[in-house]
Amino acid sequence: MLFRSAPKQVRLKFNEALEPAFSKIKVMGPQNNEIPVTATTVDKADPTVMTAPLPPLSSGEYHIQWSTMTHDGHKAKGEVTFKVK
């Protein structure tokens, strides 16, 4: 994904309801430095959505690393990459 301007939050949608206590988003920056994410939350109205606010980001490539557990106990993790122009 390429963004002309930096996104203000990460929003991930899943097929199953998530356990908030086991849901985390981590963001790595262009120099492989960790970008502080103040809070990862699972949407109370739609527990299949996990979000985290982002601080202002400069140009470069970023990696979103996520991990979670669904209500039925399945653990999952993955990574999504995006670039800011």
PDB file of N, CA and C in Angstrom:
ATOM      1  N   MET A   1       0.826  -1.168   0.000  1.00  0.00           N
ATOM      2  CA  MET A   1       0.000   0.000   0.000  1.00  0.00           C
ATOM      3  C   MET A   1       0.877   1.240   0.000  1.00  0.00           C
ATOM      4  N   LEU A   2       0.469   2.223  -0.729  1.00  0.00           N
ATOM      5  CA  LEU A   2       1.177   3.502  -0.766  1.00  0.00           C
ATOM      6  C   LEU A   2       0.205   4.608  -0.384  1.00  0.00           C
ATOM      7  N   PHE A   3       0.581   5.389   0.617  1.00  0.00           N
ATOM      8  CA  PHE A   3      -0.224   6.519   1.062  1.00  0.00           C
ATOM      9  C   PHE A   3       0.489   7.817   0.697  1.00  0.00           C
ATOM     10  N   ARG A   4      -0.239   8.784   0.167  1.00  0.00           N
ATOM     11  CA  ARG A   4       0.344  10.102  -0.129  1.00  0.00           C
ATOM     12  C   ARG A   4       0.611  10.866   1.166  1.00  0.00           C
ATOM     13  N   SER A   5      -0.244  10.665   2.151  1.00  0.00           N
ATOM     14  CA  SER A   5      -0.016  11.235   3.476  1.00  0.00           C
ATOM     15  C   SER A   5      -0.176  10.108   4.503  1.00  0.00           C
ATOM     16  N   ALA A   6       0.450  10.286   5.636  1.00  0.00           N
ATOM     17  CA  ALA A   6       0.476   9.219   6.644  1.00  0.00           C
ATOM     18  C   ALA A   6      -0.912   8.956   7.229  1.00  0.00           C
ATOM     19  N   PRO A   7      -1.268   7.685   7.412  1.00  0.00           N
ATOM     20  CA  PRO A   7      -2.539   7.365   8.060  1.00  0.00           C
ATOM     21  C   PRO A   7      -2.478   7.758   9.540  1.00  0.00           C
ATOM     22  N   LYS A   8      -3.642   8.008  10.113  1.00  0.00           N
ATOM     23  CA  LYS A   8      -3.712   8.410  11.517  1.00  0.00           C
ATOM     24  C   LYS A   8      -3.959   7.233  12.451  1.00  0.00           C
ATOM     25  N   GLN A   9      -4.334   6.082  11.873  1.00  0.00           N
ATOM     26  CA  GLN A   9      -4.545   4.896  12.693  1.00  0.00           C
ATOM     27  C   GLN A   9      -4.385   3.631  11.856  1.00  0.00           C
ATOM     28  N   VAL A  10      -4.164   2.528  12.564  1.00  0.00           N
ATOM     29  CA  VAL A  10      -4.170   1.198  11.970  1.00  0.00           C
ATOM     30  C   VAL A  10      -5.533   0.607  12.292  1.00  0.00           C
ATOM     31  N   ARG A  11      -6.195   0.022  11.287  1.00  0.00           N
ATOM     32  CA  ARG A  11      -7.486  -0.636  11.488  1.00  0.00           C
ATOM     33  C   ARG A  11      -7.436  -1.974  10.776  1.00  0.00           C
ATOM     34  N   LEU A  12      -7.546  -3.048  11.546  1.00  0.00           N
ATOM     35  CA  LEU A  12      -7.490  -4.403  10.999  1.00  0.00           C
ATOM     36  C   LEU A  12      -8.816  -5.104  11.240  1.00  0.00           C
ATOM     37  N   LYS A  13      -9.347  -5.761  10.219  1.00  0.00           N
ATOM     38  CA  LYS A  13     -10.640  -6.457  10.282  1.00  0.00           C
ATOM     39  C   LYS A  13     -10.391  -7.956  10.166  1.00  0.00           C
ATOM     40  N   PHE A  14     -11.013  -8.727  11.047  1.00  0.00           N
ATOM     41  CA  PHE A  14     -10.846 -10.183  11.080  1.00  0.00           C
ATOM     42  C   PHE A  14     -12.181 -10.876  10.854  1.00  0.00           C
ATOM     43  N   ASN A  15     -12.139 -12.194  10.654  1.00  0.00           N
ATOM     44  CA  ASN A  15     -13.345 -12.988  10.410  1.00  0.00           C
ATOM     45  C   ASN A  15     -14.056 -13.404  11.691  1.00  0.00           C
ATOM     46  N   GLU A  16     -13.333 -13.357  12.823  1.00  0.00           N
ATOM     47  CA  GLU A  16     -13.897 -13.806  14.087  1.00  0.00           C
ATOM     48  C   GLU A  16     -13.708 -12.733  15.154  1.00  0.00           C
ATOM     49  N   ALA A  17     -14.501 -12.823  16.223  1.00  0.00           N
ATOM     50  CA  ALA A  17     -14.372 -11.903  17.351  1.00  0.00           C
ATOM     51  C   ALA A  17     -13.033 -12.127  18.048  1.00  0.00           C
ATOM     52  N   LEU A  18     -12.405 -11.038  18.477  1.00  0.00           N
ATOM     53  CA  LEU A  18     -11.080 -11.070  19.086  1.00  0.00           C
ATOM     54  C   LEU A  18     -11.147 -10.918  20.599  1.00  0.00           C
ATOM     55  N   GLU A  19     -10.147 -11.467  21.272  1.00  0.00           N
ATOM     56  CA  GLU A  19      -9.985 -11.295  22.711  1.00  0.00           C
ATOM     57  C   GLU A  19      -9.116 -10.062  22.937  1.00  0.00           C
ATOM     58  N   PRO A  20      -9.656  -8.989  23.496  1.00  0.00           N
ATOM     59  CA  PRO A  20      -8.879  -7.756  23.679  1.00  0.00           C
ATOM     60  C   PRO A  20      -7.577  -7.943  24.457  1.00  0.00           C
ATOM     61  N   ALA A  21      -7.585  -8.778  25.485  1.00  0.00           N
ATOM     62  CA  ALA A  21      -6.390  -8.962  26.321  1.00  0.00           C
ATOM     63  C   ALA A  21      -5.228  -9.584  25.550  1.00  0.00           C
ATOM     64  N   PHE A  22      -5.509 -10.242  24.435  1.00  0.00           N
ATOM     65  CA  PHE A  22      -4.468 -10.922  23.666  1.00  0.00           C
ATOM     66  C   PHE A  22      -4.290 -10.316  22.272  1.00  0.00           C
ATOM     67  N   SER A  23      -4.723  -9.083  22.089  1.00  0.00           N
ATOM     68  CA  SER A  23      -4.649  -8.418  20.781  1.00  0.00           C
ATOM     69  C   SER A  23      -3.657  -7.269  20.853  1.00  0.00           C
ATOM     70  N   LYS A  24      -2.691  -7.263  19.939  1.00  0.00           N
ATOM     71  CA  LYS A  24      -1.631  -6.258  19.991  1.00  0.00           C
ATOM     72  C   LYS A  24      -1.219  -5.841  18.578  1.00  0.00           C
ATOM     73  N   ILE A  25      -0.931  -4.555  18.423  1.00  0.00           N
ATOM     74  CA  ILE A  25      -0.384  -4.012  17.183  1.00  0.00           C
ATOM     75  C   ILE A  25       0.939  -3.346  17.510  1.00  0.00           C
ATOM     76  N   LYS A  26       1.957  -3.680  16.724  1.00  0.00           N
ATOM     77  CA  LYS A  26       3.286  -3.089  16.860  1.00  0.00           C
ATOM     78  C   LYS A  26       3.656  -2.521  15.490  1.00  0.00           C
ATOM     79  N   VAL A  27       4.266  -1.332  15.458  1.00  0.00           N
ATOM     80  CA  VAL A  27       4.631  -0.702  14.192  1.00  0.00           C
ATOM     81  C   VAL A  27       6.138  -0.473  14.172  1.00  0.00           C
ATOM     82  N   MET A  28       6.773  -0.926  13.100  1.00  0.00           N
ATOM     83  CA  MET A  28       8.209  -0.745  12.912  1.00  0.00           C
ATOM     84  C   MET A  28       8.420   0.264  11.790  1.00  0.00           C
ATOM     85  N   GLY A  29       9.365   1.201  12.007  1.00  0.00           N
ATOM     86  CA  GLY A  29       9.606   2.284  11.069  1.00  0.00           C
ATOM     87  C   GLY A  29      10.666   1.986  10.026  1.00  0.00           C
ATOM     88  N   PRO A  30      10.993   2.998   9.200  1.00  0.00           N
ATOM     89  CA  PRO A  30      11.923   2.841   8.083  1.00  0.00           C
ATOM     90  C   PRO A  30      13.326   2.349   8.473  1.00  0.00           C
ATOM     91  N   GLN A  31      13.806   2.697   9.638  1.00  0.00           N
ATOM     92  CA  GLN A  31      15.121   2.228  10.086  1.00  0.00           C
ATOM     93  C   GLN A  31      14.986   1.033  11.028  1.00  0.00           C
ATOM     94  N   ASN A  32      13.877   0.312  10.903  1.00  0.00           N
ATOM     95  CA  ASN A  32      13.554  -0.841  11.745  1.00  0.00           C
ATOM     96  C   ASN A  32      13.438  -0.447  13.215  1.00  0.00           C
ATOM     97  N   ASN A  33      13.055   0.819  13.453  1.00  0.00           N
ATOM     98  CA  ASN A  33      12.837   1.297  14.808  1.00  0.00           C
ATOM     99  C   ASN A  33      11.359   1.148  15.163  1.00  0.00           C
ATOM    100  N   GLU A  34      11.087   0.831  16.422  1.00  0.00           N
ATOM    101  CA  GLU A  34       9.695   0.682  16.843  1.00  0.00           C
ATOM    102  C   GLU A  34       9.046   2.054  16.996  1.00  0.00           C
ATOM    103  N   ILE A  35       7.885   2.208  16.381  1.00  0.00           N
ATOM    104  CA  ILE A  35       7.098   3.437  16.469  1.00  0.00           C
ATOM    105  C   ILE A  35       6.124   3.255  17.637  1.00  0.00           C
ATOM    106  N   PRO A  36       6.142   4.158  18.618  1.00  0.00           N
ATOM    107  CA  PRO A  36       5.254   3.986  19.771  1.00  0.00           C
ATOM    108  C   PRO A  36       3.773   4.015  19.375  1.00  0.00           C
ATOM    109  N   VAL A  37       3.047   3.012  19.815  1.00  0.00           N
ATOM    110  CA  VAL A  37       1.598   2.936  19.627  1.00  0.00           C
ATOM    111  C   VAL A  37       1.003   2.981  21.029  1.00  0.00           C
ATOM    112  N   THR A  38       0.198   3.998  21.303  1.00  0.00           N
ATOM    113  CA  THR A  38      -0.282   4.213  22.667  1.00  0.00           C
ATOM    114  C   THR A  38      -1.239   3.134  23.160  1.00  0.00           C
ATOM    115  N   ALA A  39      -2.098   2.624  22.296  1.00  0.00           N
ATOM    116  CA  ALA A  39      -3.073   1.626  22.745  1.00  0.00           C
ATOM    117  C   ALA A  39      -3.629   0.854  21.566  1.00  0.00           C
ATOM    118  N   THR A  40      -3.731  -0.454  21.751  1.00  0.00           N
ATOM    119  CA  THR A  40      -4.428  -1.298  20.788  1.00  0.00           C
ATOM    120  C   THR A  40      -5.788  -1.602  21.391  1.00  0.00           C
ATOM    121  N   THR A  41      -6.847  -1.383  20.624  1.00  0.00           N
ATOM    122  CA  THR A  41      -8.188  -1.656  21.141  1.00  0.00           C
ATOM    123  C   THR A  41      -8.969  -2.536  20.181  1.00  0.00           C
ATOM    124  N   VAL A  42      -9.852  -3.335  20.740  1.00  0.00           N
ATOM    125  CA  VAL A  42     -10.819  -4.112  19.969  1.00  0.00           C
ATOM    126  C   VAL A  42     -12.138  -3.364  20.083  1.00  0.00           C
ATOM    127  N   ASP A  43     -12.753  -3.102  18.947  1.00  0.00           N
ATOM    128  CA  ASP A  43     -13.997  -2.332  18.887  1.00  0.00           C
ATOM    129  C   ASP A  43     -15.112  -3.065  19.635  1.00  0.00           C
ATOM    130  N   LYS A  44     -15.713  -2.414  20.620  1.00  0.00           N
ATOM    131  CA  LYS A  44     -16.790  -3.046  21.395  1.00  0.00           C
ATOM    132  C   LYS A  44     -18.034  -3.287  20.545  1.00  0.00           C
ATOM    133  N   ALA A  45     -18.288  -2.400  19.585  1.00  0.00           N
ATOM    134  CA  ALA A  45     -19.451  -2.560  18.704  1.00  0.00           C
ATOM    135  C   ALA A  45     -19.229  -3.637  17.652  1.00  0.00           C
ATOM    136  N   ASP A  46     -17.977  -3.856  17.273  1.00  0.00           N
ATOM    137  CA  ASP A  46     -17.623  -4.879  16.280  1.00  0.00           C
ATOM    138  C   ASP A  46     -16.326  -5.548  16.724  1.00  0.00           C
ATOM    139  N   PRO A  47     -16.405  -6.611  17.527  1.00  0.00           N
ATOM    140  CA  PRO A  47     -15.211  -7.239  18.088  1.00  0.00           C
ATOM    141  C   PRO A  47     -14.329  -7.966  17.064  1.00  0.00           C
ATOM    142  N   THR A  48     -14.645  -7.825  15.783  1.00  0.00           N
ATOM    143  CA  THR A  48     -13.762  -8.368  14.744  1.00  0.00           C
ATOM    144  C   THR A  48     -12.789  -7.301  14.237  1.00  0.00           C
ATOM    145  N   VAL A  49     -12.830  -6.099  14.830  1.00  0.00           N
ATOM    146  CA  VAL A  49     -11.985  -4.988  14.402  1.00  0.00           C
ATOM    147  C   VAL A  49     -11.022  -4.596  15.521  1.00  0.00           C
ATOM    148  N   MET A  50      -9.731  -4.501  15.164  1.00  0.00           N
ATOM    149  CA  MET A  50      -8.682  -4.080  16.087  1.00  0.00           C
ATOM    150  C   MET A  50      -8.081  -2.795  15.529  1.00  0.00           C
ATOM    151  N   THR A  51      -7.887  -1.771  16.380  1.00  0.00           N
ATOM    152  CA  THR A  51      -7.335  -0.498  15.932  1.00  0.00           C
ATOM    153  C   THR A  51      -6.235  -0.018  16.870  1.00  0.00           C
ATOM    154  N   ALA A  52      -5.399   0.883  16.341  1.00  0.00           N
ATOM    155  CA  ALA A  52      -4.379   1.555  17.147  1.00  0.00           C
ATOM    156  C   ALA A  52      -4.097   2.906  16.504  1.00  0.00           C
ATOM    157  N   PRO A  53      -4.046   3.990  17.304  1.00  0.00           N
ATOM    158  CA  PRO A  53      -3.703   5.295  16.742  1.00  0.00           C
ATOM    159  C   PRO A  53      -2.228   5.345  16.376  1.00  0.00           C
ATOM    160  N   LEU A  54      -1.911   6.142  15.365  1.00  0.00           N
ATOM    161  CA  LEU A  54      -0.518   6.310  14.952  1.00  0.00           C
ATOM    162  C   LEU A  54      -0.066   7.739  15.219  1.00  0.00           C
ATOM    163  N   PRO A  55       1.190   7.914  15.626  1.00  0.00           N
ATOM    164  CA  PRO A  55       1.726   9.269  15.727  1.00  0.00           C
ATOM    165  C   PRO A  55       1.999   9.784  14.311  1.00  0.00           C
ATOM    166  N   PRO A  56       2.335  11.057  14.149  1.00  0.00           N
ATOM    167  CA  PRO A  56       2.700  11.541  12.806  1.00  0.00           C
ATOM    168  C   PRO A  56       3.876  10.734  12.250  1.00  0.00           C
ATOM    169  N   LEU A  57       3.756  10.306  10.999  1.00  0.00           N
ATOM    170  CA  LEU A  57       4.790   9.484  10.363  1.00  0.00           C
ATOM    171  C   LEU A  57       5.434  10.254   9.214  1.00  0.00           C
ATOM    172  N   SER A  58       6.729  10.056   9.038  1.00  0.00           N
ATOM    173  CA  SER A  58       7.437  10.668   7.916  1.00  0.00           C
ATOM    174  C   SER A  58       7.430   9.708   6.728  1.00  0.00           C
ATOM    175  N   SER A  59       8.035  10.111   5.632  1.00  0.00           N
ATOM    176  CA  SER A  59       8.120   9.260   4.440  1.00  0.00           C
ATOM    177  C   SER A  59       8.918   8.008   4.760  1.00  0.00           C
ATOM    178  N   GLY A  60       8.538   6.912   4.116  1.00  0.00           N
ATOM    179  CA  GLY A  60       9.273   5.662   4.288  1.00  0.00           C
ATOM    180  C   GLY A  60       8.364   4.459   4.332  1.00  0.00           C
ATOM    181  N   GLU A  61       8.968   3.302   4.572  1.00  0.00           N
ATOM    182  CA  GLU A  61       8.248   2.032   4.628  1.00  0.00           C
ATOM    183  C   GLU A  61       8.036   1.623   6.080  1.00  0.00           C
ATOM    184  N   TYR A  62       6.825   1.194   6.392  1.00  0.00           N
ATOM    185  CA  TYR A  62       6.454   0.797   7.745  1.00  0.00           C
ATOM    186  C   TYR A  62       5.893  -0.619   7.735  1.00  0.00           C
ATOM    187  N   HIS A  63       6.103  -1.326   8.840  1.00  0.00           N
ATOM    188  CA  HIS A  63       5.617  -2.698   8.991  1.00  0.00           C
ATOM    189  C   HIS A  63       4.711  -2.770  10.211  1.00  0.00           C
ATOM    190  N   ILE A  64       3.477  -3.183   9.988  1.00  0.00           N
ATOM    191  CA  ILE A  64       2.525  -3.393  11.071  1.00  0.00           C
ATOM    192  C   ILE A  64       2.598  -4.870  11.440  1.00  0.00           C
ATOM    193  N   GLN A  65       2.986  -5.152  12.656  1.00  0.00           N
ATOM    194  CA  GLN A  65       3.030  -6.525  13.154  1.00  0.00           C
ATOM    195  C   GLN A  65       1.879  -6.680  14.143  1.00  0.00           C
ATOM    196  N   TRP A  66       1.033  -7.654  13.916  1.00  0.00           N
ATOM    197  CA  TRP A  66      -0.119  -7.845  14.785  1.00  0.00           C
ATOM    198  C   TRP A  66      -0.180  -9.266  15.311  1.00  0.00           C
ATOM    199  N   SER A  67      -0.784  -9.401  16.483  1.00  0.00           N
ATOM    200  CA  SER A  67      -1.035 -10.729  17.049  1.00  0.00           C
ATOM    201  C   SER A  67      -2.359 -10.653  17.811  1.00  0.00           C
ATOM    202  N   THR A  68      -3.073 -11.762  17.830  1.00  0.00           N
ATOM    203  CA  THR A  68      -4.374 -11.796  18.493  1.00  0.00           C
ATOM    204  C   THR A  68      -4.765 -13.227  18.826  1.00  0.00           C
ATOM    205  N   MET A  69      -5.850 -13.344  19.564  1.00  0.00           N
ATOM    206  CA  MET A  69      -6.471 -14.624  19.837  1.00  0.00           C
ATOM    207  C   MET A  69      -7.972 -14.418  19.685  1.00  0.00           C
ATOM    208  N   THR A  70      -8.627 -15.346  19.019  1.00  0.00           N
ATOM    209  CA  THR A  70     -10.071 -15.244  18.838  1.00  0.00           C
ATOM    210  C   THR A  70     -10.788 -15.795  20.070  1.00  0.00           C
ATOM    211  N   HIS A  71     -12.099 -15.535  20.153  1.00  0.00           N
ATOM    212  CA  HIS A  71     -12.886 -15.998  21.299  1.00  0.00           C
ATOM    213  C   HIS A  71     -12.827 -17.512  21.474  1.00  0.00           C
ATOM    214  N   ASP A  72     -12.649 -18.244  20.371  1.00  0.00           N
ATOM    215  CA  ASP A  72     -12.597 -19.711  20.494  1.00  0.00           C
ATOM    216  C   ASP A  72     -11.184 -20.228  20.735  1.00  0.00           C
ATOM    217  N   GLY A  73     -10.214 -19.332  20.993  1.00  0.00           N
ATOM    218  CA  GLY A  73      -8.875 -19.747  21.402  1.00  0.00           C
ATOM    219  C   GLY A  73      -7.832 -19.859  20.308  1.00  0.00           C
ATOM    220  N   HIS A  74      -8.183 -19.573  19.068  1.00  0.00           N
ATOM    221  CA  HIS A  74      -7.202 -19.641  17.989  1.00  0.00           C
ATOM    222  C   HIS A  74      -6.276 -18.430  18.036  1.00  0.00           C
ATOM    223  N   LYS A  75      -4.967 -18.685  18.004  1.00  0.00           N
ATOM    224  CA  LYS A  75      -3.989 -17.602  17.975  1.00  0.00           C
ATOM    225  C   LYS A  75      -3.622 -17.314  16.530  1.00  0.00           C
ATOM    226  N   ALA A  76      -3.389 -16.048  16.242  1.00  0.00           N
ATOM    227  CA  ALA A  76      -3.003 -15.655  14.886  1.00  0.00           C
ATOM    228  C   ALA A  76      -2.058 -14.467  14.980  1.00  0.00           C
ATOM    229  N   LYS A  77      -1.169 -14.369  13.982  1.00  0.00           N
ATOM    230  CA  LYS A  77      -0.286 -13.210  13.899  1.00  0.00           C
ATOM    231  C   LYS A  77       0.065 -12.985  12.444  1.00  0.00           C
ATOM    232  N   GLY A  78       0.526 -11.772  12.148  1.00  0.00           N
ATOM    233  CA  GLY A  78       0.880 -11.469  10.775  1.00  0.00           C
ATOM    234  C   GLY A  78       1.529 -10.108  10.669  1.00  0.00           C
ATOM    235  N   GLU A  79       1.811  -9.730   9.444  1.00  0.00           N
ATOM    236  CA  GLU A  79       2.461  -8.453   9.183  1.00  0.00           C
ATOM    237  C   GLU A  79       1.892  -7.838   7.913  1.00  0.00           C
ATOM    238  N   VAL A  80       1.714  -6.524   7.930  1.00  0.00           N
ATOM    239  CA  VAL A  80       1.263  -5.755   6.780  1.00  0.00           C
ATOM    240  C   VAL A  80       2.243  -4.629   6.585  1.00  0.00           C
ATOM    241  N   THR A  81       2.647  -4.394   5.335  1.00  0.00           N
ATOM    242  CA  THR A  81       3.598  -3.330   5.028  1.00  0.00           C
ATOM    243  C   THR A  81       2.903  -2.217   4.266  1.00  0.00           C
ATOM    244  N   PHE A  82       3.279  -0.971   4.572  1.00  0.00           N
ATOM    245  CA  PHE A  82       2.778   0.159   3.806  1.00  0.00           C
ATOM    246  C   PHE A  82       3.881   1.204   3.691  1.00  0.00           C
ATOM    247  N   LYS A  83       3.735   2.073   2.691  1.00  0.00           N
ATOM    248  CA  LYS A  83       4.699   3.142   2.469  1.00  0.00           C
ATOM    249  C   LYS A  83       3.994   4.492   2.513  1.00  0.00           C
ATOM    250  N   VAL A  84       4.707   5.481   3.055  1.00  0.00           N
ATOM    251  CA  VAL A  84       4.236   6.855   3.064  1.00  0.00           C
ATOM    252  C   VAL A  84       5.131   7.596   2.099  1.00  0.00           C
ATOM    253  N   LYS A  85       4.513   8.288   1.130  1.00  0.00           N
ATOM    254  CA  LYS A  85       5.264   8.998   0.104  1.00  0.00           C
ATOM    255  C   LYS A  85       5.834  10.302   0.630  1.00  0.00           C
TER     256      LYS A  85
END
